[in-house]
Amino acid sequence: TLVATKRVLAWRIAELMKKQRVTKTLLAKRMKTSRAALD
């Protein structure tokens, strides 16, 4: 259940990033975190 929930969350965030044309680097910067944490 934990893995399934996490997969849905990761998928949803990735879909929102695509829709909004936000790169990983830009999202990490806006979140004030590292690319590794975002990965």
PDB file of all heavy atoms in Angstrom:
ATOM      1  N   THR A   1       0.827  -1.200   0.000  1.00  0.00           N
ATOM      2  CA  THR A   1       0.000   0.000   0.000  1.00  0.00           C
ATOM      3  C   THR A   1       0.865   1.256   0.000  1.00  0.00           C
ATOM      4  O   THR A   1       0.578   2.214  -0.726  1.00  0.00           O
ATOM      5  CB  THR A   1      -0.954  -0.001   1.211  1.00  0.00           C
ATOM      6  OG1 THR A   1      -1.772  -1.167   1.139  1.00  0.00           O
ATOM      7  CG2 THR A   1      -1.821   1.232   1.244  1.00  0.00           C
ATOM      8  N   LEU A   2       1.935   1.253   0.783  1.00  0.00           N
ATOM      9  CA  LEU A   2       2.847   2.402   0.818  1.00  0.00           C
ATOM     10  C   LEU A   2       3.499   2.637  -0.539  1.00  0.00           C
ATOM     11  O   LEU A   2       3.562   3.770  -1.023  1.00  0.00           O
ATOM     12  CB  LEU A   2       3.928   2.208   1.882  1.00  0.00           C
ATOM     13  CG  LEU A   2       3.492   2.355   3.324  1.00  0.00           C
ATOM     14  CD1 LEU A   2       4.634   1.981   4.264  1.00  0.00           C
ATOM     15  CD2 LEU A   2       3.011   3.757   3.601  1.00  0.00           C
ATOM     16  N   VAL A   3       3.972   1.569  -1.159  1.00  0.00           N
ATOM     17  CA  VAL A   3       4.618   1.702  -2.467  1.00  0.00           C
ATOM     18  C   VAL A   3       3.610   2.178  -3.506  1.00  0.00           C
ATOM     19  O   VAL A   3       3.909   3.068  -4.314  1.00  0.00           O
ATOM     20  CB  VAL A   3       5.287   0.380  -2.895  1.00  0.00           C
ATOM     21  CG1 VAL A   3       5.750   0.444  -4.343  1.00  0.00           C
ATOM     22  CG2 VAL A   3       6.470   0.062  -1.988  1.00  0.00           C
ATOM     23  N   ALA A   4       2.403   1.636  -3.479  1.00  0.00           N
ATOM     24  CA  ALA A   4       1.371   2.043  -4.442  1.00  0.00           C
ATOM     25  C   ALA A   4       1.014   3.514  -4.260  1.00  0.00           C
ATOM     26  O   ALA A   4       0.884   4.258  -5.239  1.00  0.00           O
ATOM     27  CB  ALA A   4       0.131   1.172  -4.294  1.00  0.00           C
ATOM     28  N   THR A   5       0.872   3.951  -3.023  1.00  0.00           N
ATOM     29  CA  THR A   5       0.554   5.348  -2.738  1.00  0.00           C
ATOM     30  C   THR A   5       1.672   6.260  -3.233  1.00  0.00           C
ATOM     31  O   THR A   5       1.426   7.292  -3.856  1.00  0.00           O
ATOM     32  CB  THR A   5       0.319   5.557  -1.231  1.00  0.00           C
ATOM     33  OG1 THR A   5      -0.750   4.709  -0.814  1.00  0.00           O
ATOM     34  CG2 THR A   5      -0.011   6.996  -0.902  1.00  0.00           C
ATOM     35  N   LYS A   6       2.908   5.887  -2.970  1.00  0.00           N
ATOM     36  CA  LYS A   6       4.061   6.687  -3.401  1.00  0.00           C
ATOM     37  C   LYS A   6       4.131   6.746  -4.922  1.00  0.00           C
ATOM     38  O   LYS A   6       4.429   7.787  -5.507  1.00  0.00           O
ATOM     39  CB  LYS A   6       5.352   6.110  -2.816  1.00  0.00           C
ATOM     40  CG  LYS A   6       6.611   6.821  -3.282  1.00  0.00           C
ATOM     41  CD  LYS A   6       6.583   8.297  -2.929  1.00  0.00           C
ATOM     42  CE  LYS A   6       7.722   9.117  -3.427  1.00  0.00           C
ATOM     43  NZ  LYS A   6       8.888   8.588  -3.959  1.00  0.00           N
ATOM     44  N   ARG A   7       3.849   5.633  -5.588  1.00  0.00           N
ATOM     45  CA  ARG A   7       3.880   5.625  -7.054  1.00  0.00           C
ATOM     46  C   ARG A   7       2.849   6.580  -7.638  1.00  0.00           C
ATOM     47  O   ARG A   7       3.119   7.292  -8.602  1.00  0.00           O
ATOM     48  CB  ARG A   7       3.659   4.217  -7.589  1.00  0.00           C
ATOM     49  CG  ARG A   7       4.873   3.356  -7.436  1.00  0.00           C
ATOM     50  CD  ARG A   7       4.684   1.997  -8.030  1.00  0.00           C
ATOM     51  NE  ARG A   7       5.947   1.276  -7.928  1.00  0.00           N
ATOM     52  CZ  ARG A   7       6.087   0.009  -8.169  1.00  0.00           C
ATOM     53  NH1 ARG A   7       5.052  -0.725  -8.540  1.00  0.00           N
ATOM     54  NH2 ARG A   7       7.260  -0.564  -8.048  1.00  0.00           N
ATOM     55  N   VAL A   8       1.669   6.604  -7.041  1.00  0.00           N
ATOM     56  CA  VAL A   8       0.625   7.518  -7.517  1.00  0.00           C
ATOM     57  C   VAL A   8       1.059   8.963  -7.295  1.00  0.00           C
ATOM     58  O   VAL A   8       0.899   9.814  -8.170  1.00  0.00           O
ATOM     59  CB  VAL A   8      -0.727   7.224  -6.826  1.00  0.00           C
ATOM     60  CG1 VAL A   8      -1.743   8.316  -7.129  1.00  0.00           C
ATOM     61  CG2 VAL A   8      -1.251   5.864  -7.256  1.00  0.00           C
ATOM     62  N   LEU A   9       1.620   9.250  -6.131  1.00  0.00           N
ATOM     63  CA  LEU A   9       2.082  10.610  -5.838  1.00  0.00           C
ATOM     64  C   LEU A   9       3.182  11.030  -6.814  1.00  0.00           C
ATOM     65  O   LEU A   9       3.128  12.124  -7.376  1.00  0.00           O
ATOM     66  CB  LEU A   9       2.594  10.703  -4.395  1.00  0.00           C
ATOM     67  CG  LEU A   9       3.164  12.051  -3.990  1.00  0.00           C
ATOM     68  CD1 LEU A   9       2.069  13.111  -3.967  1.00  0.00           C
ATOM     69  CD2 LEU A   9       3.845  11.962  -2.648  1.00  0.00           C
ATOM     70  N   ALA A  10       4.163  10.174  -7.022  1.00  0.00           N
ATOM     71  CA  ALA A  10       5.263  10.499  -7.943  1.00  0.00           C
ATOM     72  C   ALA A  10       4.736  10.705  -9.358  1.00  0.00           C
ATOM     73  O   ALA A  10       5.143  11.648 -10.052  1.00  0.00           O
ATOM     74  CB  ALA A  10       6.316   9.389  -7.926  1.00  0.00           C
ATOM     75  N   TRP A  11       3.808   9.857  -9.780  1.00  0.00           N
ATOM     76  CA  TRP A  11       3.217   9.985 -11.115  1.00  0.00           C
ATOM     77  C   TRP A  11       2.460  11.303 -11.246  1.00  0.00           C
ATOM     78  O   TRP A  11       2.595  12.011 -12.234  1.00  0.00           O
ATOM     79  CB  TRP A  11       2.286   8.805 -11.386  1.00  0.00           C
ATOM     80  CG  TRP A  11       1.502   8.956 -12.647  1.00  0.00           C
ATOM     81  CD1 TRP A  11       1.941   8.703 -13.918  1.00  0.00           C
ATOM     82  CD2 TRP A  11       0.160   9.428 -12.761  1.00  0.00           C
ATOM     83  NE1 TRP A  11       0.939   8.980 -14.816  1.00  0.00           N
ATOM     84  CE2 TRP A  11      -0.170   9.424 -14.136  1.00  0.00           C
ATOM     85  CE3 TRP A  11      -0.801   9.834 -11.847  1.00  0.00           C
ATOM     86  CZ2 TRP A  11      -1.410   9.825 -14.604  1.00  0.00           C
ATOM     87  CZ3 TRP A  11      -2.045  10.228 -12.318  1.00  0.00           C
ATOM     88  CH2 TRP A  11      -2.337  10.224 -13.676  1.00  0.00           C
ATOM     89  N   ARG A  12       1.682  11.644 -10.223  1.00  0.00           N
ATOM     90  CA  ARG A  12       0.884  12.877 -10.260  1.00  0.00           C
ATOM     91  C   ARG A  12       1.781  14.111 -10.325  1.00  0.00           C
ATOM     92  O   ARG A  12       1.517  15.045 -11.089  1.00  0.00           O
ATOM     93  CB  ARG A  12      -0.038  12.931  -9.040  1.00  0.00           C
ATOM     94  CG  ARG A  12      -0.925  14.126  -8.982  1.00  0.00           C
ATOM     95  CD  ARG A  12      -2.031  14.049 -10.032  1.00  0.00           C
ATOM     96  NE  ARG A  12      -2.939  15.162  -9.822  1.00  0.00           N
ATOM     97  CZ  ARG A  12      -3.195  16.084 -10.756  1.00  0.00           C
ATOM     98  NH1 ARG A  12      -2.686  15.989 -11.951  1.00  0.00           N
ATOM     99  NH2 ARG A  12      -3.999  17.084 -10.494  1.00  0.00           N
ATOM    100  N   ILE A  13       2.842  14.126  -9.547  1.00  0.00           N
ATOM    101  CA  ILE A  13       3.767  15.256  -9.567  1.00  0.00           C
ATOM    102  C   ILE A  13       4.448  15.357 -10.930  1.00  0.00           C
ATOM    103  O   ILE A  13       4.551  16.442 -11.509  1.00  0.00           O
ATOM    104  CB  ILE A  13       4.800  15.159  -8.427  1.00  0.00           C
ATOM    105  CG1 ILE A  13       4.090  15.418  -7.088  1.00  0.00           C
ATOM    106  CG2 ILE A  13       5.953  16.141  -8.623  1.00  0.00           C
ATOM    107  CD1 ILE A  13       4.921  15.153  -5.875  1.00  0.00           C
ATOM    108  N   ALA A  14       4.877  14.230 -11.480  1.00  0.00           N
ATOM    109  CA  ALA A  14       5.504  14.231 -12.806  1.00  0.00           C
ATOM    110  C   ALA A  14       4.528  14.734 -13.875  1.00  0.00           C
ATOM    111  O   ALA A  14       4.921  15.491 -14.764  1.00  0.00           O
ATOM    112  CB  ALA A  14       6.011  12.835 -13.150  1.00  0.00           C
ATOM    113  N   GLU A  15       3.267  14.340 -13.789  1.00  0.00           N
ATOM    114  CA  GLU A  15       2.260  14.802 -14.745  1.00  0.00           C
ATOM    115  C   GLU A  15       2.027  16.307 -14.632  1.00  0.00           C
ATOM    116  O   GLU A  15       1.905  16.997 -15.638  1.00  0.00           O
ATOM    117  CB  GLU A  15       0.938  14.057 -14.537  1.00  0.00           C
ATOM    118  CG  GLU A  15       0.972  12.612 -14.992  1.00  0.00           C
ATOM    119  CD  GLU A  15       1.209  12.487 -16.489  1.00  0.00           C
ATOM    120  OE1 GLU A  15       0.472  13.105 -17.265  1.00  0.00           O
ATOM    121  OE2 GLU A  15       2.142  11.758 -16.868  1.00  0.00           O
ATOM    122  N   LEU A  16       1.986  16.815 -13.404  1.00  0.00           N
ATOM    123  CA  LEU A  16       1.825  18.254 -13.205  1.00  0.00           C
ATOM    124  C   LEU A  16       3.035  19.018 -13.739  1.00  0.00           C
ATOM    125  O   LEU A  16       2.890  20.093 -14.336  1.00  0.00           O
ATOM    126  CB  LEU A  16       1.615  18.571 -11.724  1.00  0.00           C
ATOM    127  CG  LEU A  16       0.254  18.194 -11.158  1.00  0.00           C
ATOM    128  CD1 LEU A  16       0.278  18.213  -9.631  1.00  0.00           C
ATOM    129  CD2 LEU A  16      -0.821  19.137 -11.684  1.00  0.00           C
ATOM    130  N   MET A  17       4.219  18.453 -13.552  1.00  0.00           N
ATOM    131  CA  MET A  17       5.428  19.083 -14.071  1.00  0.00           C
ATOM    132  C   MET A  17       5.364  19.176 -15.594  1.00  0.00           C
ATOM    133  O   MET A  17       5.688  20.220 -16.162  1.00  0.00           O
ATOM    134  CB  MET A  17       6.675  18.304 -13.632  1.00  0.00           C
ATOM    135  CG  MET A  17       7.003  18.437 -12.167  1.00  0.00           C
ATOM    136  SD  MET A  17       8.340  17.326 -11.655  1.00  0.00           S
ATOM    137  CE  MET A  17       9.715  17.982 -12.604  1.00  0.00           C
ATOM    138  N   LYS A  18       4.947  18.090 -16.243  1.00  0.00           N
ATOM    139  CA  LYS A  18       4.825  18.102 -17.708  1.00  0.00           C
ATOM    140  C   LYS A  18       3.808  19.137 -18.163  1.00  0.00           C
ATOM    141  O   LYS A  18       4.074  19.922 -19.069  1.00  0.00           O
ATOM    142  CB  LYS A  18       4.388  16.721 -18.213  1.00  0.00           C
ATOM    143  CG  LYS A  18       5.498  15.734 -18.372  1.00  0.00           C
ATOM    144  CD  LYS A  18       4.976  14.512 -19.107  1.00  0.00           C
ATOM    145  CE  LYS A  18       5.284  13.282 -18.305  1.00  0.00           C
ATOM    146  NZ  LYS A  18       4.698  12.070 -18.870  1.00  0.00           N
ATOM    147  N   LYS A  19       2.650  19.125 -17.523  1.00  0.00           N
ATOM    148  CA  LYS A  19       1.569  20.037 -17.898  1.00  0.00           C
ATOM    149  C   LYS A  19       1.992  21.491 -17.755  1.00  0.00           C
ATOM    150  O   LYS A  19       1.666  22.334 -18.592  1.00  0.00           O
ATOM    151  CB  LYS A  19       0.337  19.750 -17.046  1.00  0.00           C
ATOM    152  CG  LYS A  19      -0.872  20.581 -17.403  1.00  0.00           C
ATOM    153  CD  LYS A  19      -2.062  20.201 -16.541  1.00  0.00           C
ATOM    154  CE  LYS A  19      -3.271  21.044 -16.893  1.00  0.00           C
ATOM    155  NZ  LYS A  19      -4.410  20.741 -16.038  1.00  0.00           N
ATOM    156  N   GLN A  20       2.725  21.784 -16.679  1.00  0.00           N
ATOM    157  CA  GLN A  20       3.149  23.158 -16.411  1.00  0.00           C
ATOM    158  C   GLN A  20       4.515  23.478 -17.022  1.00  0.00           C
ATOM    159  O   GLN A  20       5.015  24.589 -16.856  1.00  0.00           O
ATOM    160  CB  GLN A  20       3.172  23.401 -14.892  1.00  0.00           C
ATOM    161  CG  GLN A  20       1.807  23.283 -14.262  1.00  0.00           C
ATOM    162  CD  GLN A  20       1.848  23.464 -12.748  1.00  0.00           C
ATOM    163  OE1 GLN A  20       2.772  24.066 -12.196  1.00  0.00           O
ATOM    164  NE2 GLN A  20       0.831  22.939 -12.065  1.00  0.00           N
ATOM    165  N   ARG A  21       5.105  22.503 -17.689  1.00  0.00           N
ATOM    166  CA  ARG A  21       6.426  22.658 -18.306  1.00  0.00           C
ATOM    167  C   ARG A  21       7.478  23.121 -17.307  1.00  0.00           C
ATOM    168  O   ARG A  21       8.229  24.088 -17.546  1.00  0.00           O
ATOM    169  CB  ARG A  21       6.357  23.589 -19.502  1.00  0.00           C
ATOM    170  CG  ARG A  21       5.457  23.053 -20.577  1.00  0.00           C
ATOM    171  CD  ARG A  21       5.384  23.934 -21.756  1.00  0.00           C
ATOM    172  NE  ARG A  21       4.437  23.351 -22.704  1.00  0.00           N
ATOM    173  CZ  ARG A  21       4.313  23.741 -23.932  1.00  0.00           C
ATOM    174  NH1 ARG A  21       5.047  24.712 -24.394  1.00  0.00           N
ATOM    175  NH2 ARG A  21       3.428  23.168 -24.723  1.00  0.00           N
ATOM    176  N   VAL A  22       7.506  22.422 -16.183  1.00  0.00           N
ATOM    177  CA  VAL A  22       8.460  22.707 -15.108  1.00  0.00           C
ATOM    178  C   VAL A  22       9.508  21.594 -15.109  1.00  0.00           C
ATOM    179  O   VAL A  22       9.164  20.418 -15.012  1.00  0.00           O
ATOM    180  CB  VAL A  22       7.750  22.770 -13.737  1.00  0.00           C
ATOM    181  CG1 VAL A  22       8.749  22.939 -12.608  1.00  0.00           C
ATOM    182  CG2 VAL A  22       6.720  23.889 -13.725  1.00  0.00           C
ATOM    183  N   THR A  23      10.773  21.969 -15.238  1.00  0.00           N
ATOM    184  CA  THR A  23      11.853  20.984 -15.214  1.00  0.00           C
ATOM    185  C   THR A  23      12.162  20.577 -13.778  1.00  0.00           C
ATOM    186  O   THR A  23      11.765  21.261 -12.821  1.00  0.00           O
ATOM    187  CB  THR A  23      13.130  21.561 -15.846  1.00  0.00           C
ATOM    188  OG1 THR A  23      13.591  22.658 -15.020  1.00  0.00           O
ATOM    189  CG2 THR A  23      12.890  22.013 -17.272  1.00  0.00           C
ATOM    190  N   LYS A  24      12.904  19.488 -13.640  1.00  0.00           N
ATOM    191  CA  LYS A  24      13.319  19.054 -12.307  1.00  0.00           C
ATOM    192  C   LYS A  24      14.166  20.122 -11.630  1.00  0.00           C
ATOM    193  O   LYS A  24      14.003  20.401 -10.444  1.00  0.00           O
ATOM    194  CB  LYS A  24      14.115  17.752 -12.388  1.00  0.00           C
ATOM    195  CG  LYS A  24      13.291  16.533 -12.683  1.00  0.00           C
ATOM    196  CD  LYS A  24      14.207  15.317 -12.686  1.00  0.00           C
ATOM    197  CE  LYS A  24      13.459  14.043 -12.940  1.00  0.00           C
ATOM    198  NZ  LYS A  24      14.360  12.874 -12.907  1.00  0.00           N
ATOM    199  N   THR A  25      15.069  20.709 -12.401  1.00  0.00           N
ATOM    200  CA  THR A  25      15.946  21.746 -11.840  1.00  0.00           C
ATOM    201  C   THR A  25      15.134  22.934 -11.341  1.00  0.00           C
ATOM    202  O   THR A  25      15.363  23.435 -10.231  1.00  0.00           O
ATOM    203  CB  THR A  25      16.972  22.199 -12.893  1.00  0.00           C
ATOM    204  OG1 THR A  25      17.728  21.060 -13.306  1.00  0.00           O
ATOM    205  CG2 THR A  25      17.901  23.258 -12.343  1.00  0.00           C
ATOM    206  N   LEU A  26      14.168  23.365 -12.132  1.00  0.00           N
ATOM    207  CA  LEU A  26      13.342  24.505 -11.738  1.00  0.00           C
ATOM    208  C   LEU A  26      12.469  24.173 -10.532  1.00  0.00           C
ATOM    209  O   LEU A  26      12.352  24.980  -9.604  1.00  0.00           O
ATOM    210  CB  LEU A  26      12.468  24.954 -12.915  1.00  0.00           C
ATOM    211  CG  LEU A  26      11.570  26.171 -12.667  1.00  0.00           C
ATOM    212  CD1 LEU A  26      12.393  27.376 -12.216  1.00  0.00           C
ATOM    213  CD2 LEU A  26      10.774  26.491 -13.921  1.00  0.00           C
ATOM    214  N   LEU A  27      11.881  22.978 -10.526  1.00  0.00           N
ATOM    215  CA  LEU A  27      11.045  22.591  -9.388  1.00  0.00           C
ATOM    216  C   LEU A  27      11.874  22.515  -8.112  1.00  0.00           C
ATOM    217  O   LEU A  27      11.455  23.014  -7.065  1.00  0.00           O
ATOM    218  CB  LEU A  27      10.338  21.263  -9.647  1.00  0.00           C
ATOM    219  CG  LEU A  27       9.370  20.807  -8.549  1.00  0.00           C
ATOM    220  CD1 LEU A  27       8.255  21.820  -8.345  1.00  0.00           C
ATOM    221  CD2 LEU A  27       8.787  19.438  -8.881  1.00  0.00           C
ATOM    222  N   ALA A  28      13.051  21.923  -8.192  1.00  0.00           N
ATOM    223  CA  ALA A  28      13.927  21.842  -7.021  1.00  0.00           C
ATOM    224  C   ALA A  28      14.274  23.235  -6.511  1.00  0.00           C
ATOM    225  O   ALA A  28      14.257  23.484  -5.299  1.00  0.00           O
ATOM    226  CB  ALA A  28      15.193  21.068  -7.358  1.00  0.00           C
ATOM    227  N   LYS A  29      14.563  24.153  -7.434  1.00  0.00           N
ATOM    228  CA  LYS A  29      14.895  25.530  -7.046  1.00  0.00           C
ATOM    229  C   LYS A  29      13.704  26.188  -6.355  1.00  0.00           C
ATOM    230  O   LYS A  29      13.851  26.820  -5.315  1.00  0.00           O
ATOM    231  CB  LYS A  29      15.308  26.324  -8.283  1.00  0.00           C
ATOM    232  CG  LYS A  29      15.792  27.711  -7.993  1.00  0.00           C
ATOM    233  CD  LYS A  29      16.275  28.392  -9.265  1.00  0.00           C
ATOM    234  CE  LYS A  29      16.783  29.778  -8.956  1.00  0.00           C
ATOM    235  NZ  LYS A  29      17.297  30.446 -10.160  1.00  0.00           N
ATOM    236  N   ARG A  30      12.520  26.037  -6.934  1.00  0.00           N
ATOM    237  CA  ARG A  30      11.317  26.626  -6.336  1.00  0.00           C
ATOM    238  C   ARG A  30      10.992  26.011  -4.979  1.00  0.00           C
ATOM    239  O   ARG A  30      10.458  26.688  -4.100  1.00  0.00           O
ATOM    240  CB  ARG A  30      10.120  26.455  -7.269  1.00  0.00           C
ATOM    241  CG  ARG A  30      10.186  27.326  -8.499  1.00  0.00           C
ATOM    242  CD  ARG A  30       8.984  27.106  -9.374  1.00  0.00           C
ATOM    243  NE  ARG A  30       9.029  27.912 -10.582  1.00  0.00           N
ATOM    244  CZ  ARG A  30       8.158  27.807 -11.570  1.00  0.00           C
ATOM    245  NH1 ARG A  30       7.174  26.923 -11.517  1.00  0.00           N
ATOM    246  NH2 ARG A  30       8.277  28.573 -12.626  1.00  0.00           N
ATOM    247  N   MET A  31      11.302  24.727  -4.815  1.00  0.00           N
ATOM    248  CA  MET A  31      11.060  24.042  -3.536  1.00  0.00           C
ATOM    249  C   MET A  31      12.133  24.355  -2.504  1.00  0.00           C
ATOM    250  O   MET A  31      12.013  23.989  -1.347  1.00  0.00           O
ATOM    251  CB  MET A  31      11.013  22.530  -3.752  1.00  0.00           C
ATOM    252  CG  MET A  31       9.813  22.033  -4.494  1.00  0.00           C
ATOM    253  SD  MET A  31       9.941  20.256  -4.862  1.00  0.00           S
ATOM    254  CE  MET A  31      10.080  19.557  -3.203  1.00  0.00           C
ATOM    255  N   LYS A  32      13.224  25.001  -2.971  1.00  0.00           N
ATOM    256  CA  LYS A  32      14.385  25.283  -2.114  1.00  0.00           C
ATOM    257  C   LYS A  32      14.976  23.985  -1.570  1.00  0.00           C
ATOM    258  O   LYS A  32      15.220  23.830  -0.374  1.00  0.00           O
ATOM    259  CB  LYS A  32      14.028  26.249  -0.993  1.00  0.00           C
ATOM    260  CG  LYS A  32      13.583  27.587  -1.524  1.00  0.00           C
ATOM    261  CD  LYS A  32      13.268  28.563  -0.429  1.00  0.00           C
ATOM    262  CE  LYS A  32      12.933  29.873  -1.103  1.00  0.00           C
ATOM    263  NZ  LYS A  32      11.933  30.622  -0.559  1.00  0.00           N
ATOM    264  N   THR A  33      15.181  23.054  -2.510  1.00  0.00           N
ATOM    265  CA  THR A  33      15.768  21.764  -2.163  1.00  0.00           C
ATOM    266  C   THR A  33      16.733  21.360  -3.263  1.00  0.00           C
ATOM    267  O   THR A  33      16.903  22.070  -4.250  1.00  0.00           O
ATOM    268  CB  THR A  33      14.668  20.688  -1.960  1.00  0.00           C
ATOM    269  OG1 THR A  33      15.237  19.549  -1.337  1.00  0.00           O
ATOM    270  CG2 THR A  33      13.988  20.297  -3.247  1.00  0.00           C
ATOM    271  N   SER A  34      17.356  20.226  -3.095  1.00  0.00           N
ATOM    272  CA  SER A  34      18.322  19.749  -4.090  1.00  0.00           C
ATOM    273  C   SER A  34      17.635  18.898  -5.154  1.00  0.00           C
ATOM    274  O   SER A  34      16.538  18.386  -4.947  1.00  0.00           O
ATOM    275  CB  SER A  34      19.402  18.909  -3.397  1.00  0.00           C
ATOM    276  OG  SER A  34      18.822  17.719  -2.894  1.00  0.00           O
ATOM    277  N   ARG A  35      18.315  18.748  -6.275  1.00  0.00           N
ATOM    278  CA  ARG A  35      17.807  17.855  -7.323  1.00  0.00           C
ATOM    279  C   ARG A  35      17.742  16.430  -6.793  1.00  0.00           C
ATOM    280  O   ARG A  35      16.855  15.665  -7.147  1.00  0.00           O
ATOM    281  CB  ARG A  35      18.742  17.872  -8.536  1.00  0.00           C
ATOM    282  CG  ARG A  35      18.391  18.746  -9.702  1.00  0.00           C
ATOM    283  CD  ARG A  35      17.164  18.302 -10.480  1.00  0.00           C
ATOM    284  NE  ARG A  35      17.239  17.010 -11.126  1.00  0.00           N
ATOM    285  CZ  ARG A  35      17.727  16.766 -12.304  1.00  0.00           C
ATOM    286  NH1 ARG A  35      18.243  17.732 -13.016  1.00  0.00           N
ATOM    287  NH2 ARG A  35      17.724  15.559 -12.800  1.00  0.00           N
ATOM    288  N   ALA A  36      18.712  16.055  -5.937  1.00  0.00           N
ATOM    289  CA  ALA A  36      18.730  14.695  -5.377  1.00  0.00           C
ATOM    290  C   ALA A  36      17.474  14.437  -4.543  1.00  0.00           C
ATOM    291  O   ALA A  36      16.870  13.366  -4.625  1.00  0.00           O
ATOM    292  CB  ALA A  36      19.981  14.480  -4.536  1.00  0.00           C
ATOM    293  N   ALA A  37      17.065  15.428  -3.750  1.00  0.00           N
ATOM    294  CA  ALA A  37      15.845  15.277  -2.943  1.00  0.00           C
ATOM    295  C   ALA A  37      14.623  15.160  -3.843  1.00  0.00           C
ATOM    296  O   ALA A  37      13.717  14.364  -3.583  1.00  0.00           O
ATOM    297  CB  ALA A  37      15.696  16.454  -1.986  1.00  0.00           C
ATOM    298  N   LEU A  38      14.602  15.934  -4.916  1.00  0.00           N
ATOM    299  CA  LEU A  38      13.491  15.853  -5.854  1.00  0.00           C
ATOM    300  C   LEU A  38      13.482  14.507  -6.566  1.00  0.00           C
ATOM    301  O   LEU A  38      12.421  13.907  -6.767  1.00  0.00           O
ATOM    302  CB  LEU A  38      13.561  16.991  -6.872  1.00  0.00           C
ATOM    303  CG  LEU A  38      12.423  17.009  -7.900  1.00  0.00           C
ATOM    304  CD1 LEU A  38      11.060  17.121  -7.223  1.00  0.00           C
ATOM    305  CD2 LEU A  38      12.622  18.127  -8.883  1.00  0.00           C
ATOM    306  N   ASP A  39      14.652  14.008  -6.926  1.00  0.00           N
ATOM    307  CA  ASP A  39      14.738  12.692  -7.559  1.00  0.00           C
ATOM    308  C   ASP A  39      14.193  11.604  -6.633  1.00  0.00           C
ATOM    309  O   ASP A  39      13.523  10.679  -7.090  1.00  0.00           O
ATOM    310  CB  ASP A  39      16.172  12.369  -7.975  1.00  0.00           C
ATOM    311  CG  ASP A  39      16.616  13.138  -9.211  1.00  0.00           C
ATOM    312  OD1 ASP A  39      15.738  13.584  -9.989  1.00  0.00           O
ATOM    313  OD2 ASP A  39      17.833  13.302  -9.397  1.00  0.00           O
TER     314      ASP A  39
END
